[in-house]
Amino acid sequence: MPEFALAYREPYDFAALLAFFARRTIPGLEEVDAAGYRRRFVLHGVPGALELRMGERGALALRIDCDDARVVAEAEARMRRMFDVDADIEAVNAQLGRRRLLKRLVTAHPGQRVPGGWDGFEIAVRAVLGQQVSVAAARTLAVRLVQRFGVSAGGNAHVFPSPEVLADADLASLGITRARAASLRAIAQAVCAGSLHFDPDQALDAFVASCVALPGIGPWTAHYIAMRGLHNPDAFPAADLVLRKAVSRDGIPIATRELDEIARAWRPYRAYAVLHLWRSQA
């Protein structure tokens, strides 16, 4: 059972990442507690499981239950992105900490990281399920989707359904609108066709354009997917109500265009600003 030490640069707020993932956990697919994160997966047709916990100072400890070397290498890379261990946090904090709106937040939480995702397609699906509903409601929908369309891993355990499965799936039983079901199928079909992919090295603007070309996907959803599914450090869902309220002086959300202008000074780390501002409103 291969074990790895995922080194990170201090400061690193592991507890905040676990709290973020805990609110969105899909039982049977993943588990989160104060000690760490566990997940079942299938990569290249090979099943496996993993556990991530705090290791020696300056590193996370990752254990992967799989004997396929290619799968193990990919699983390690995915977890590095998901838990943002490679961020140059000093550069992030130096850039954001100079800004009036963010200085206090960066000082309070200098180890803030951007929580990524195991898989870009999974994040895209969960983002659509979360449109205009609470985090708890989105989680409930995601649980239904995995239980009904995911691959069984024994007992109550499942792995997330593939694009091929969802491309033509009848999603009415999830309790979502026809429009939202159509959006999910469109994402899956685009991934199958190769017109939508989640390569983290692609340009942000190009990815957003490929997303908003799909039915029911607007800029907010596209940037949220880029932030977590691509782990793009400059993704910025400017239309987000919580963000627009967080930077307001009177509690009335500012306009999306105004927030976009303000956030220009936060580039190329706008995604980290998002997490700081969300956290300030929690």
Protein backbone atom coordinates (compact mmCIF):
# COMPACT_ATOMS: atom_id res chain seq x y z
CA MET A 1 0.00 0.00 0.00
CA PRO A 2 1.98 3.03 -1.24
CA GLU A 3 2.40 5.97 1.14
CA PHE A 4 3.51 9.48 0.24
CA ALA A 5 4.44 12.67 2.05
CA LEU A 6 2.85 15.65 0.30
CA ALA A 7 5.04 18.58 1.29
CA TYR A 8 3.52 22.05 1.50
CA ARG A 9 4.72 25.54 2.30
CA GLU A 10 3.76 26.93 5.69
CA PRO A 11 1.33 28.28 6.71
CA TYR A 12 -1.20 25.63 5.74
CA ASP A 13 -4.77 25.55 7.08
CA PHE A 14 -5.60 21.86 6.78
CA ALA A 15 -8.53 22.18 9.19
CA ALA A 16 -10.24 24.77 6.98
CA LEU A 17 -9.95 22.50 3.94
CA LEU A 18 -11.39 19.56 5.85
CA ALA A 19 -14.28 21.73 7.07
CA PHE A 20 -15.03 22.83 3.50
CA PHE A 21 -15.06 19.25 2.22
CA ALA A 22 -17.01 17.98 5.23
CA ARG A 23 -20.01 20.17 4.37
CA ARG A 24 -20.04 18.67 0.88
CA THR A 25 -19.24 15.04 1.63
CA ILE A 26 -21.09 12.35 -0.32
CA PRO A 27 -21.48 9.33 2.01
CA GLY A 28 -20.37 6.08 0.42
CA LEU A 29 -17.99 7.93 -1.89
CA GLU A 30 -15.90 9.87 0.63
CA GLU A 31 -15.49 10.44 4.34
CA VAL A 32 -14.21 13.50 6.16
CA ASP A 33 -13.49 14.01 9.84
CA ALA A 34 -11.13 16.10 11.94
CA ALA A 35 -8.29 13.65 11.23
CA GLY A 36 -8.44 13.58 7.45
CA TYR A 37 -10.08 12.62 4.17
CA ARG A 38 -10.86 9.19 2.67
CA ARG A 39 -12.23 8.31 -0.75
CA ARG A 40 -13.01 5.43 -3.10
CA PHE A 41 -12.24 5.82 -6.78
CA VAL A 42 -11.86 4.16 -10.15
CA LEU A 43 -9.12 5.35 -12.50
CA HIS A 44 -8.44 3.76 -15.89
CA GLY A 45 -10.85 1.01 -14.92
CA VAL A 46 -8.87 0.18 -11.78
CA PRO A 47 -10.59 0.55 -8.38
CA GLY A 48 -8.81 1.93 -5.36
CA ALA A 49 -9.13 3.84 -2.13
CA LEU A 50 -7.07 6.46 -0.35
CA GLU A 51 -6.65 8.23 2.94
CA LEU A 52 -5.09 11.66 3.56
CA ARG A 53 -4.16 12.93 7.01
CA MET A 54 -1.73 15.35 8.61
CA GLY A 55 1.78 13.93 8.61
CA GLU A 56 5.10 15.16 9.91
CA ARG A 57 5.58 18.92 10.10
CA GLY A 58 5.34 20.46 6.64
CA ALA A 59 3.64 17.51 4.92
CA LEU A 60 0.40 15.59 4.55
CA ALA A 61 0.46 11.79 4.70
CA LEU A 62 -1.26 10.07 1.77
CA ARG A 63 -1.92 6.33 1.67
CA ILE A 64 -3.26 4.79 -1.55
CA ASP A 65 -4.77 1.31 -1.61
CA CYS A 66 -3.94 0.26 -5.17
CA ASP A 67 -1.12 -1.69 -6.81
CA ASP A 68 -1.27 -0.09 -10.28
CA ALA A 69 1.67 2.32 -10.57
CA ARG A 70 -0.01 4.55 -13.17
CA VAL A 71 -3.17 4.86 -11.06
CA VAL A 72 -1.17 5.58 -7.92
CA ALA A 73 0.77 8.37 -9.65
CA GLU A 74 -2.44 9.98 -10.95
CA ALA A 75 -4.20 9.67 -7.59
CA GLU A 76 -1.28 11.39 -5.89
CA ALA A 77 -1.34 14.24 -8.44
CA ARG A 78 -5.08 14.67 -7.97
CA MET A 79 -4.74 14.90 -4.21
CA ARG A 80 -1.96 17.45 -4.51
CA ARG A 81 -4.33 19.68 -6.49
CA MET A 82 -7.37 18.94 -4.35
CA PHE A 83 -5.56 20.00 -1.18
CA ASP A 84 -3.57 22.79 -2.85
CA VAL A 85 -0.22 21.69 -1.44
CA ASP A 86 1.86 23.27 -4.23
CA ALA A 87 0.64 26.85 -3.79
CA ASP A 88 3.23 29.57 -3.39
CA ILE A 89 1.37 30.88 -0.36
CA GLU A 90 3.92 33.59 0.38
CA ALA A 91 3.34 35.09 -3.07
CA VAL A 92 -0.43 34.80 -2.66
CA ASN A 93 -0.42 36.50 0.72
CA ALA A 94 1.98 39.20 -0.42
CA GLN A 95 -0.28 40.09 -3.34
CA LEU A 96 -3.60 39.99 -1.49
CA GLY A 97 -2.28 41.36 1.80
CA ARG A 98 -1.47 44.69 0.17
CA ARG A 99 -5.14 45.29 -0.60
CA ARG A 100 -7.33 47.19 1.84
CA LEU A 101 -10.28 44.83 1.54
CA LEU A 102 -8.21 41.70 2.11
CA LYS A 103 -5.36 42.64 4.43
CA ARG A 104 -7.26 41.85 7.62
CA LEU A 105 -8.51 38.54 6.22
CA VAL A 106 -5.09 37.40 5.04
CA THR A 107 -3.59 38.31 8.40
CA ALA A 108 -6.26 36.31 10.22
CA HIS A 109 -5.99 33.23 7.97
CA PRO A 110 -2.60 33.20 6.23
CA GLY A 111 -2.82 29.46 5.55
CA GLN A 112 -6.04 29.69 3.51
CA ARG A 113 -5.93 27.41 0.46
CA VAL A 114 -8.31 26.85 -2.43
CA PRO A 115 -10.13 23.51 -2.06
CA GLY A 116 -9.93 21.71 -5.37
CA GLY A 117 -11.73 18.60 -6.55
CA TRP A 118 -10.89 15.00 -7.24
CA ASP A 119 -12.18 15.27 -10.78
CA GLY A 120 -13.16 18.18 -13.02
CA PHE A 121 -16.27 16.46 -14.34
CA GLU A 122 -17.43 15.69 -10.82
CA ILE A 123 -16.99 19.33 -9.80
CA ALA A 124 -18.89 20.48 -12.90
CA VAL A 125 -21.82 18.20 -12.11
CA ARG A 126 -21.88 19.23 -8.46
CA ALA A 127 -21.68 22.91 -9.45
CA VAL A 128 -24.81 22.59 -11.59
CA LEU A 129 -26.61 20.71 -8.83
CA GLY A 130 -25.69 23.58 -6.51
CA GLN A 131 -27.07 26.36 -8.67
CA GLN A 132 -29.45 28.56 -6.65
CA VAL A 133 -29.73 26.13 -3.74
CA SER A 134 -27.97 25.82 -0.39
CA VAL A 135 -24.81 23.77 0.14
CA ALA A 136 -26.88 21.23 2.10
CA ALA A 137 -29.46 20.91 -0.69
CA ALA A 138 -26.75 20.51 -3.31
CA ARG A 139 -25.17 17.78 -1.21
CA THR A 140 -28.49 15.94 -0.98
CA LEU A 141 -28.85 16.01 -4.77
CA ALA A 142 -25.27 14.82 -5.23
CA VAL A 143 -25.89 11.91 -2.85
CA ARG A 144 -28.94 10.87 -4.88
CA LEU A 145 -27.02 11.08 -8.13
CA VAL A 146 -24.15 8.93 -6.87
CA GLN A 147 -26.44 6.34 -5.30
CA ARG A 148 -28.56 6.01 -8.44
CA PHE A 149 -25.96 6.31 -11.18
CA GLY A 150 -22.61 5.64 -9.52
CA VAL A 151 -20.71 2.38 -9.80
CA SER A 152 -21.17 0.15 -6.77
CA ALA A 153 -18.02 -0.45 -4.74
CA GLY A 154 -19.62 -2.94 -2.37
CA GLY A 155 -22.20 -2.40 0.35
CA ASN A 156 -23.32 1.22 0.41
CA ALA A 157 -20.14 2.44 -1.27
CA HIS A 158 -20.15 3.97 -4.76
CA VAL A 159 -17.85 5.87 -7.06
CA PHE A 160 -18.97 8.95 -8.96
CA PRO A 161 -20.78 8.25 -12.27
CA SER A 162 -18.82 8.73 -15.47
CA PRO A 163 -19.69 11.16 -18.30
CA GLU A 164 -20.69 8.16 -20.42
CA VAL A 165 -23.28 7.13 -17.84
CA LEU A 166 -24.79 10.59 -17.39
CA ALA A 167 -24.76 11.59 -21.07
CA ASP A 168 -28.12 9.95 -21.71
CA ALA A 169 -29.34 9.32 -18.17
CA ASP A 170 -32.93 9.94 -17.09
CA LEU A 171 -32.29 12.35 -14.23
CA ALA A 172 -35.91 13.10 -13.36
CA SER A 173 -35.72 10.94 -10.23
CA LEU A 174 -33.20 13.32 -8.68
CA GLY A 175 -35.86 15.95 -8.13
CA ILE A 176 -34.29 18.60 -10.35
CA THR A 177 -35.82 20.68 -13.14
CA ARG A 178 -35.75 19.56 -16.75
CA ALA A 179 -33.47 22.46 -17.58
CA ARG A 180 -30.96 21.43 -14.93
CA ALA A 181 -31.08 17.83 -16.06
CA ALA A 182 -30.44 19.01 -19.62
CA SER A 183 -27.42 20.98 -18.40
CA LEU A 184 -25.96 17.92 -16.70
CA ARG A 185 -26.42 15.79 -19.81
CA ALA A 186 -24.93 18.55 -21.98
CA ILE A 187 -21.81 18.66 -19.79
CA ALA A 188 -21.45 14.89 -19.94
CA GLN A 189 -21.96 14.83 -23.71
CA ALA A 190 -19.43 17.63 -24.22
CA VAL A 191 -16.85 15.73 -22.18
CA CYS A 192 -17.50 12.57 -24.16
CA ALA A 193 -17.16 14.50 -27.42
CA GLY A 194 -13.96 16.19 -26.29
CA SER A 195 -15.30 19.74 -26.62
CA LEU A 196 -15.06 20.21 -22.84
CA HIS A 197 -12.07 19.05 -20.84
CA PHE A 198 -10.48 19.83 -17.51
CA ASP A 199 -6.79 20.16 -18.30
CA PRO A 200 -5.50 22.51 -15.57
CA ASP A 201 -3.06 24.12 -18.01
CA GLN A 202 -5.71 25.52 -20.35
CA ALA A 203 -6.42 29.25 -20.50
CA LEU A 204 -9.11 30.45 -18.12
CA ASP A 205 -10.97 32.51 -20.74
CA ALA A 206 -11.04 29.60 -23.19
CA PHE A 207 -12.41 27.23 -20.56
CA VAL A 208 -15.09 29.69 -19.47
CA ALA A 209 -16.13 30.16 -23.11
CA SER A 210 -16.46 26.40 -23.61
CA CYS A 211 -18.62 26.16 -20.49
CA VAL A 212 -20.99 29.05 -21.15
CA ALA A 213 -21.63 27.66 -24.62
CA LEU A 214 -23.54 24.84 -22.90
CA PRO A 215 -27.19 25.27 -21.87
CA GLY A 216 -27.73 26.48 -18.31
CA ILE A 217 -24.07 27.31 -17.66
CA GLY A 218 -23.34 30.97 -16.90
CA PRO A 219 -20.14 32.75 -15.93
CA TRP A 220 -20.60 32.06 -12.19
CA THR A 221 -20.80 28.31 -12.73
CA ALA A 222 -17.97 28.32 -15.26
CA HIS A 223 -15.61 30.19 -12.93
CA TYR A 224 -16.58 28.03 -9.96
CA ILE A 225 -15.73 24.92 -11.99
CA ALA A 226 -12.45 26.52 -13.09
CA MET A 227 -11.60 27.41 -9.50
CA ARG A 228 -12.14 23.94 -8.11
CA GLY A 229 -12.09 21.58 -11.10
CA LEU A 230 -9.11 23.12 -12.92
CA HIS A 231 -7.58 24.60 -9.79
CA ASN A 232 -7.09 27.86 -11.62
CA PRO A 233 -5.78 30.39 -9.07
CA ASP A 234 -7.35 33.36 -10.87
CA ALA A 235 -10.87 32.02 -11.41
CA PHE A 236 -13.38 34.48 -10.04
CA PRO A 237 -17.18 34.01 -9.92
CA ALA A 238 -17.89 37.73 -9.73
CA ALA A 239 -21.66 37.30 -9.82
CA ASP A 240 -21.59 35.48 -6.48
CA LEU A 241 -23.98 37.17 -4.06
CA VAL A 242 -21.86 36.47 -0.98
CA LEU A 243 -18.78 38.01 -2.61
CA ARG A 244 -20.70 41.09 -3.74
CA LYS A 245 -22.02 41.54 -0.22
CA ALA A 246 -18.65 40.88 1.43
CA VAL A 247 -16.98 43.85 -0.25
CA SER A 248 -19.92 46.19 0.30
CA ARG A 249 -19.69 48.92 2.91
CA ASP A 250 -23.40 49.05 3.68
CA GLY A 251 -24.38 45.38 3.42
CA ILE A 252 -26.08 45.87 0.06
CA PRO A 253 -24.41 43.69 -2.60
CA ILE A 254 -22.47 45.72 -5.14
CA ALA A 255 -22.88 45.16 -8.88
CA THR A 256 -21.03 42.30 -10.54
CA ARG A 257 -19.24 44.70 -12.87
CA GLU A 258 -18.04 46.78 -9.92
CA LEU A 259 -16.69 43.73 -8.13
CA ASP A 260 -14.91 42.66 -11.31
CA GLU A 261 -13.18 46.04 -11.41
CA ILE A 262 -12.16 45.88 -7.76
CA ALA A 263 -10.82 42.34 -8.17
CA ARG A 264 -8.44 43.31 -10.96
CA ALA A 265 -5.97 44.31 -8.24
CA TRP A 266 -6.11 40.78 -6.79
CA ARG A 267 -4.89 39.03 -9.93
CA PRO A 268 -3.47 36.46 -10.48
CA TYR A 269 -4.81 35.08 -7.18
CA ARG A 270 -8.48 36.00 -7.28
CA ALA A 271 -9.54 32.46 -6.33
CA TYR A 272 -7.76 32.84 -2.98
CA ALA A 273 -9.57 36.13 -2.45
CA VAL A 274 -12.84 34.26 -3.03
CA LEU A 275 -12.10 31.82 -0.23
CA HIS A 276 -11.07 34.59 2.15
CA LEU A 277 -14.24 36.56 1.44
CA TRP A 278 -16.51 33.52 1.72
CA ARG A 279 -14.87 32.68 5.01
CA SER A 280 -15.44 36.20 6.28
CA GLN A 281 -19.17 35.77 5.75
CA ALA A 282 -19.52 32.30 7.27
